[in-house]
Protein backbone atom coordinates (compact mmCIF):
# COMPACT_ATOMS: atom_id res chain seq x y z
CA MET A 1 -94.89 -45.39 -27.10
CA ASN A 2 -96.22 -42.70 -29.44
CA ASP A 3 -98.83 -41.79 -26.83
CA LEU A 4 -96.08 -40.92 -24.33
CA ILE A 5 -94.75 -37.91 -26.22
CA GLY A 6 -96.21 -34.58 -27.34
CA ALA A 7 -97.39 -31.73 -25.15
CA MET A 8 -96.65 -32.55 -21.52
CA THR A 9 -96.92 -30.55 -18.32
CA ALA A 10 -94.57 -30.65 -15.34
CA LEU A 11 -97.25 -30.25 -12.68
CA VAL A 12 -96.86 -27.96 -9.69
CA THR A 13 -97.81 -29.39 -6.30
CA PRO A 14 -100.33 -27.16 -4.49
CA PHE A 15 -100.21 -26.90 -0.71
CA LYS A 16 -102.74 -25.64 1.83
CA ASN A 17 -101.82 -25.09 5.46
CA GLY A 18 -98.58 -26.92 4.90
CA LYS A 19 -100.19 -30.05 3.47
CA LEU A 20 -100.77 -31.39 -0.02
CA ASP A 21 -103.96 -29.84 -1.40
CA ALA A 22 -105.35 -32.95 -3.07
CA ASN A 23 -108.58 -31.35 -4.28
CA THR A 24 -106.79 -28.51 -6.06
CA TYR A 25 -104.27 -30.94 -7.50
CA GLU A 26 -107.07 -32.98 -9.04
CA SER A 27 -108.74 -29.87 -10.47
CA LEU A 28 -105.45 -28.69 -12.00
CA ILE A 29 -105.04 -32.04 -13.74
CA LYS A 30 -108.63 -31.95 -15.03
CA ARG A 31 -107.88 -28.52 -16.51
CA GLN A 32 -104.82 -29.94 -18.27
CA ILE A 33 -106.92 -32.73 -19.75
CA ALA A 34 -109.62 -30.33 -20.93
CA GLN A 35 -107.09 -28.10 -22.68
CA GLY A 36 -105.48 -30.81 -24.79
CA ILE A 37 -102.36 -31.87 -22.90
CA ASP A 38 -101.10 -35.32 -23.93
CA CYS A 39 -99.34 -36.26 -20.70
CA VAL A 40 -99.09 -34.89 -17.18
CA VAL A 41 -95.90 -35.30 -15.18
CA PRO A 42 -96.46 -35.33 -11.41
CA VAL A 43 -93.69 -34.94 -8.81
CA GLY A 44 -90.85 -33.71 -10.95
CA THR A 45 -88.66 -30.70 -10.18
CA THR A 46 -91.61 -28.35 -10.74
CA GLY A 47 -93.63 -30.44 -8.29
CA GLU A 48 -91.17 -29.69 -5.46
CA SER A 49 -90.43 -33.39 -5.16
CA PRO A 50 -87.31 -32.91 -3.00
CA THR A 51 -89.43 -31.58 -0.14
CA LEU A 52 -92.34 -34.01 -0.41
CA SER A 53 -92.53 -36.96 1.92
CA HIS A 54 -92.57 -40.38 0.28
CA ASP A 55 -96.25 -40.68 1.16
CA GLU A 56 -97.03 -37.32 -0.46
CA HIS A 57 -94.97 -38.24 -3.53
CA LYS A 58 -96.94 -41.46 -3.93
CA GLN A 59 -100.26 -39.71 -3.30
CA CYS A 60 -99.56 -37.25 -6.13
CA ILE A 61 -98.98 -40.13 -8.52
CA GLU A 62 -102.15 -41.87 -7.36
CA ILE A 63 -104.23 -38.72 -7.86
CA ALA A 64 -102.80 -38.16 -11.33
CA VAL A 65 -103.49 -41.76 -12.37
CA ALA A 66 -107.05 -41.71 -11.00
CA THR A 67 -107.84 -38.35 -12.62
CA CYS A 68 -106.49 -39.33 -16.03
CA LYS A 69 -108.20 -42.72 -16.07
CA ASP A 70 -110.48 -43.16 -19.11
CA THR A 71 -109.11 -40.00 -20.76
CA ASN A 72 -106.59 -39.52 -23.57
CA THR A 73 -104.08 -37.96 -21.18
CA LYS A 74 -101.29 -40.21 -19.91
CA VAL A 75 -99.29 -40.06 -16.67
CA ILE A 76 -95.49 -40.00 -16.66
CA ALA A 77 -94.62 -40.20 -12.98
CA GLY A 78 -91.53 -38.66 -11.46
CA ALA A 79 -89.42 -41.50 -10.05
CA GLY A 80 -85.91 -40.24 -9.52
CA SER A 81 -83.41 -40.08 -6.72
CA ASN A 82 -79.69 -39.94 -6.04
CA SER A 83 -80.18 -43.38 -4.48
CA THR A 84 -80.74 -46.04 -7.12
CA ASN A 85 -82.66 -48.26 -4.70
CA GLU A 86 -84.99 -45.41 -3.77
CA ALA A 87 -85.62 -44.59 -7.44
CA ILE A 88 -86.42 -48.26 -8.09
CA GLU A 89 -88.92 -48.26 -5.22
CA LEU A 90 -90.68 -45.19 -6.64
CA ALA A 91 -90.62 -46.63 -10.16
CA LYS A 92 -92.20 -49.89 -9.01
CA PHE A 93 -94.85 -47.98 -7.08
CA ALA A 94 -95.68 -45.86 -10.15
CA GLN A 95 -96.05 -48.99 -12.26
CA ASN A 96 -98.19 -50.77 -9.67
CA VAL A 97 -100.70 -47.91 -9.37
CA GLY A 98 -101.10 -47.54 -13.11
CA ALA A 99 -98.73 -44.81 -14.31
CA ASN A 100 -98.03 -45.12 -18.02
CA ALA A 101 -94.32 -44.33 -17.76
CA ILE A 102 -91.74 -42.80 -15.44
CA LEU A 103 -89.44 -39.79 -15.66
CA SER A 104 -86.21 -40.24 -13.71
CA ILE A 105 -83.90 -37.33 -12.97
CA ALA A 106 -80.13 -37.81 -13.04
CA PRO A 107 -78.70 -38.49 -9.57
CA TYR A 108 -77.93 -35.18 -7.89
CA TYR A 109 -75.17 -34.31 -5.43
CA ASN A 110 -73.18 -37.56 -5.56
CA LYS A 111 -71.79 -36.77 -9.06
CA PRO A 112 -71.59 -40.27 -10.59
CA THR A 113 -69.41 -41.04 -13.58
CA GLN A 114 -70.94 -41.78 -16.97
CA GLU A 115 -70.65 -45.49 -16.16
CA GLY A 116 -72.41 -44.85 -12.87
CA LEU A 117 -75.22 -43.06 -14.71
CA TYR A 118 -75.50 -45.95 -17.14
CA GLN A 119 -75.73 -48.55 -14.38
CA HIS A 120 -78.17 -46.38 -12.38
CA TYR A 121 -80.64 -46.00 -15.23
CA LYS A 122 -80.23 -49.57 -16.42
CA ALA A 123 -81.12 -50.82 -12.92
CA ILE A 124 -84.19 -48.57 -12.66
CA ALA A 125 -85.58 -49.36 -16.11
CA SER A 126 -84.86 -53.07 -15.74
CA SER A 127 -86.85 -53.19 -12.49
CA ILE A 128 -90.11 -52.26 -14.27
CA GLU A 129 -91.95 -52.99 -17.49
CA ILE A 130 -93.41 -49.55 -18.22
CA PRO A 131 -91.42 -47.08 -20.36
CA THR A 132 -88.67 -44.93 -18.84
CA MET A 133 -87.70 -41.37 -19.77
CA LEU A 134 -84.28 -40.06 -18.76
CA TYR A 135 -84.15 -36.54 -17.37
CA ASN A 136 -81.01 -34.51 -17.98
CA VAL A 137 -80.87 -31.16 -16.17
CA PRO A 138 -77.25 -30.49 -15.18
CA GLY A 139 -78.09 -27.00 -13.93
CA ARG A 140 -79.95 -28.74 -11.09
CA THR A 141 -78.03 -31.97 -10.63
CA VAL A 142 -74.43 -30.90 -11.39
CA VAL A 143 -74.06 -34.02 -13.56
CA ASP A 144 -74.60 -34.18 -17.32
CA ILE A 145 -75.85 -37.33 -19.04
CA ASP A 146 -73.56 -37.31 -22.07
CA ALA A 147 -75.22 -37.93 -25.41
CA SER A 148 -73.17 -41.10 -25.82
CA THR A 149 -74.41 -42.42 -22.46
CA ALA A 150 -78.03 -41.61 -23.25
CA ILE A 151 -77.78 -43.32 -26.64
CA ARG A 152 -76.08 -46.34 -25.08
CA LEU A 153 -78.95 -46.66 -22.63
CA TYR A 154 -81.51 -46.28 -25.42
CA ASN A 155 -79.80 -49.00 -27.46
CA ASP A 156 -79.26 -51.41 -24.56
CA VAL A 157 -82.42 -51.12 -22.46
CA PRO A 158 -85.68 -51.83 -24.34
CA ASN A 159 -88.02 -49.69 -22.23
CA ILE A 160 -85.85 -46.56 -22.21
CA TYR A 161 -87.57 -44.62 -24.95
CA ALA A 162 -86.96 -40.90 -24.37
CA ILE A 163 -84.89 -38.20 -22.72
CA LYS A 164 -86.06 -34.89 -21.34
CA GLU A 165 -83.23 -32.59 -22.41
CA ALA A 166 -82.97 -29.53 -20.19
CA THR A 167 -79.40 -28.47 -20.88
CA GLY A 168 -80.72 -25.59 -22.99
CA SER A 169 -78.40 -26.74 -25.77
CA LEU A 170 -79.80 -27.18 -29.25
CA GLU A 171 -76.50 -28.74 -30.27
CA ARG A 172 -77.05 -31.48 -27.68
CA ALA A 173 -80.50 -32.18 -29.10
CA ILE A 174 -79.06 -32.35 -32.61
CA GLU A 175 -76.32 -34.72 -31.45
CA LEU A 176 -78.90 -37.06 -29.97
CA LEU A 177 -81.24 -36.94 -32.96
CA VAL A 178 -78.50 -37.39 -35.56
CA ASN A 179 -77.06 -40.43 -33.80
CA ALA A 180 -80.34 -41.98 -32.59
CA PRO A 181 -83.16 -40.74 -34.87
CA ASP A 182 -85.83 -42.86 -33.18
CA PHE A 183 -84.89 -41.77 -29.65
CA ALA A 184 -87.63 -39.41 -28.39
CA VAL A 185 -85.92 -36.15 -27.45
CA ILE A 186 -88.18 -33.97 -25.32
CA SER A 187 -87.66 -30.25 -24.78
CA GLY A 188 -87.16 -29.36 -21.13
CA ASP A 189 -86.72 -25.62 -21.74
CA ASP A 190 -89.90 -23.72 -22.57
CA ALA A 191 -88.23 -20.99 -24.60
CA ILE A 192 -86.81 -23.42 -27.18
CA ASP A 193 -89.73 -25.79 -27.76
CA TYR A 194 -90.15 -24.65 -31.36
CA PRO A 195 -86.53 -25.10 -32.51
CA MET A 196 -86.35 -28.45 -30.68
CA MET A 197 -89.45 -29.64 -32.52
CA ALA A 198 -88.17 -28.28 -35.84
CA GLN A 199 -85.01 -30.35 -35.40
CA GLY A 200 -87.05 -33.51 -34.87
CA GLY A 201 -87.93 -33.40 -31.18
CA SER A 202 -90.92 -35.37 -29.94
CA GLY A 203 -92.51 -32.87 -27.57
CA CYS A 204 -91.99 -30.84 -24.45
CA ILE A 205 -92.34 -31.17 -20.70
CA SER A 206 -93.38 -27.66 -19.87
CA VAL A 207 -93.51 -25.43 -16.82
CA THR A 208 -95.44 -22.74 -18.69
CA ALA A 209 -98.16 -25.26 -19.57
CA ASN A 210 -99.34 -25.10 -15.97
CA LEU A 211 -100.75 -21.70 -16.97
CA VAL A 212 -101.49 -22.09 -20.68
CA PRO A 213 -101.91 -25.78 -21.53
CA ASN A 214 -104.08 -24.79 -24.49
CA LEU A 215 -101.29 -22.80 -26.11
CA LYS A 216 -98.55 -25.31 -25.36
CA SER A 217 -100.61 -28.15 -26.79
CA GLN A 218 -101.34 -26.07 -29.91
CA LEU A 219 -97.64 -25.30 -30.35
CA ILE A 220 -96.47 -28.89 -30.05
CA HIS A 221 -99.29 -30.36 -32.11
CA ALA A 222 -98.77 -27.78 -34.88
CA ALA A 223 -95.07 -28.64 -35.07
CA ALA A 224 -95.79 -32.38 -35.00
CA ASN A 225 -98.13 -31.87 -37.96
CA GLY A 226 -95.53 -29.89 -39.90
CA ASP A 227 -97.08 -26.46 -39.37
CA PHE A 228 -93.88 -24.84 -38.19
CA LEU A 229 -95.06 -21.32 -38.98
CA LYS A 230 -97.90 -21.62 -36.46
CA ALA A 231 -95.61 -23.31 -33.94
CA ARG A 232 -93.06 -20.51 -34.24
CA GLU A 233 -95.73 -17.83 -33.85
CA ILE A 234 -96.99 -19.39 -30.62
CA ASN A 235 -93.44 -19.93 -29.34
CA ASN A 236 -92.60 -16.28 -30.01
CA MET A 237 -95.84 -15.07 -28.41
CA LEU A 238 -95.06 -17.08 -25.26
CA TYR A 239 -91.48 -15.84 -24.96
CA PRO A 240 -92.16 -13.08 -22.37
CA LEU A 241 -94.08 -15.54 -20.21
CA ASN A 242 -91.47 -18.27 -20.57
CA LYS A 243 -88.77 -15.79 -19.60
CA ILE A 244 -90.46 -14.32 -16.52
CA LEU A 245 -91.32 -17.76 -15.16
CA PHE A 246 -87.62 -18.34 -14.61
CA CYS A 247 -86.80 -14.99 -12.98
CA GLU A 248 -86.21 -17.02 -9.80
CA ALA A 249 -85.67 -20.73 -9.29
CA ASN A 250 -88.45 -22.93 -10.65
CA PRO A 251 -91.16 -23.46 -9.36
CA ILE A 252 -91.18 -20.19 -7.42
CA PRO A 253 -92.47 -17.94 -10.26
CA ILE A 254 -94.92 -20.42 -11.79
CA LYS A 255 -96.72 -20.95 -8.48
CA ALA A 256 -96.89 -17.20 -7.94
CA ALA A 257 -98.34 -16.73 -11.44
CA MET A 258 -100.90 -19.49 -10.89
CA HIS A 259 -101.96 -17.88 -7.64
CA MET A 260 -102.37 -14.52 -9.40
CA ALA A 261 -104.42 -16.21 -12.11
CA GLY A 262 -106.72 -17.80 -9.54
CA LEU A 263 -105.66 -21.36 -10.33
CA ILE A 264 -104.39 -22.11 -6.82
CA ASP A 265 -105.99 -20.70 -3.69
CA THR A 266 -102.91 -20.33 -1.54
CA LEU A 267 -99.34 -19.40 -2.40
CA GLU A 268 -97.38 -21.92 -0.39
CA TYR A 269 -93.96 -23.42 -0.86
CA ARG A 270 -91.87 -25.84 1.14
CA LEU A 271 -88.72 -24.43 2.66
CA PRO A 272 -86.07 -23.74 1.52
CA LEU A 273 -88.21 -22.25 -1.28
CA THR A 274 -89.91 -18.94 -0.53
CA ALA A 275 -92.19 -16.55 -2.40
CA PRO A 276 -90.70 -14.26 -5.08
CA SER A 277 -89.36 -10.85 -4.13
CA LYS A 278 -91.84 -7.97 -4.29
CA GLU A 279 -90.05 -6.66 -7.36
CA ASN A 280 -90.37 -9.96 -9.18
CA MET A 281 -93.99 -10.34 -8.12
CA LYS A 282 -94.75 -7.07 -9.90
CA LYS A 283 -92.87 -8.23 -13.00
CA ILE A 284 -94.75 -11.54 -13.06
CA GLU A 285 -98.06 -9.73 -12.67
CA ALA A 286 -97.24 -7.33 -15.51
CA VAL A 287 -96.34 -10.11 -17.93
CA LEU A 288 -99.29 -12.25 -16.89
CA ALA A 289 -101.66 -9.41 -17.81
CA GLN A 290 -100.64 -9.88 -21.46
CA TYR A 291 -102.20 -13.36 -21.64
CA ASP A 292 -105.68 -14.80 -21.50
CA ILE A 293 -105.54 -17.55 -18.90
CA ILE A 294 -108.43 -19.94 -19.52
CA LYS A 295 -109.69 -21.59 -16.35
């Protein structure tokens, strides 16, 4: 599963006239491949998955798989839900169309216990043969996958190989890596990719990489090769961009920045998400001017 770690991008989902813009989506993925990204992650939080129809969700996975075919870039498909049965359906679909792995967010809203989380993920992973990555983002889901639960799942379920840790806590990453050294811990917070990698992390799933996949891939690959000085320099250089891209709820700022950079033709969101405030648009534009965005 060493090809399912490294520099990974949480893809945005472009819209045009209210519909999925399939052509732009394909071109965005091709750009990721060309700039050295190891894996693309369609239909996660950044991909506005809660407001996509099931058909759109599946179409995004199909496009990603088709675009990455015969390249070195893998597809880790978003396949999560607060309904275990629905998550299983999406996971099976992802496997059937050729995704290399799935990423499954913790169930949101219903607030399961740790035992509920364990049974949820065990059921999903056991329904498929491809690898499964847990996704812990309590700021979104209001439920935290405890380190002990994640490690239990890793030990008990053969195809659970990784966790995207987006608590923002380095201590949590250390707890996981100390107690399960072979468990792939993936940074889910752009600002702390370098310290996560220095502690023994296995990569990142990045929002910022939608804009600068070249720099994110350089950062992660440098750290993986032991060049932590270079990794830290890139991480520090990206800090202003990482920070401004979370001035409002993700993916509001990243889509605005991509529109400014000419990577997406139209700035469209699905309600209840709306465009950034005028003040924040100016801030995003000012920070973006500091970087060379390679198309």
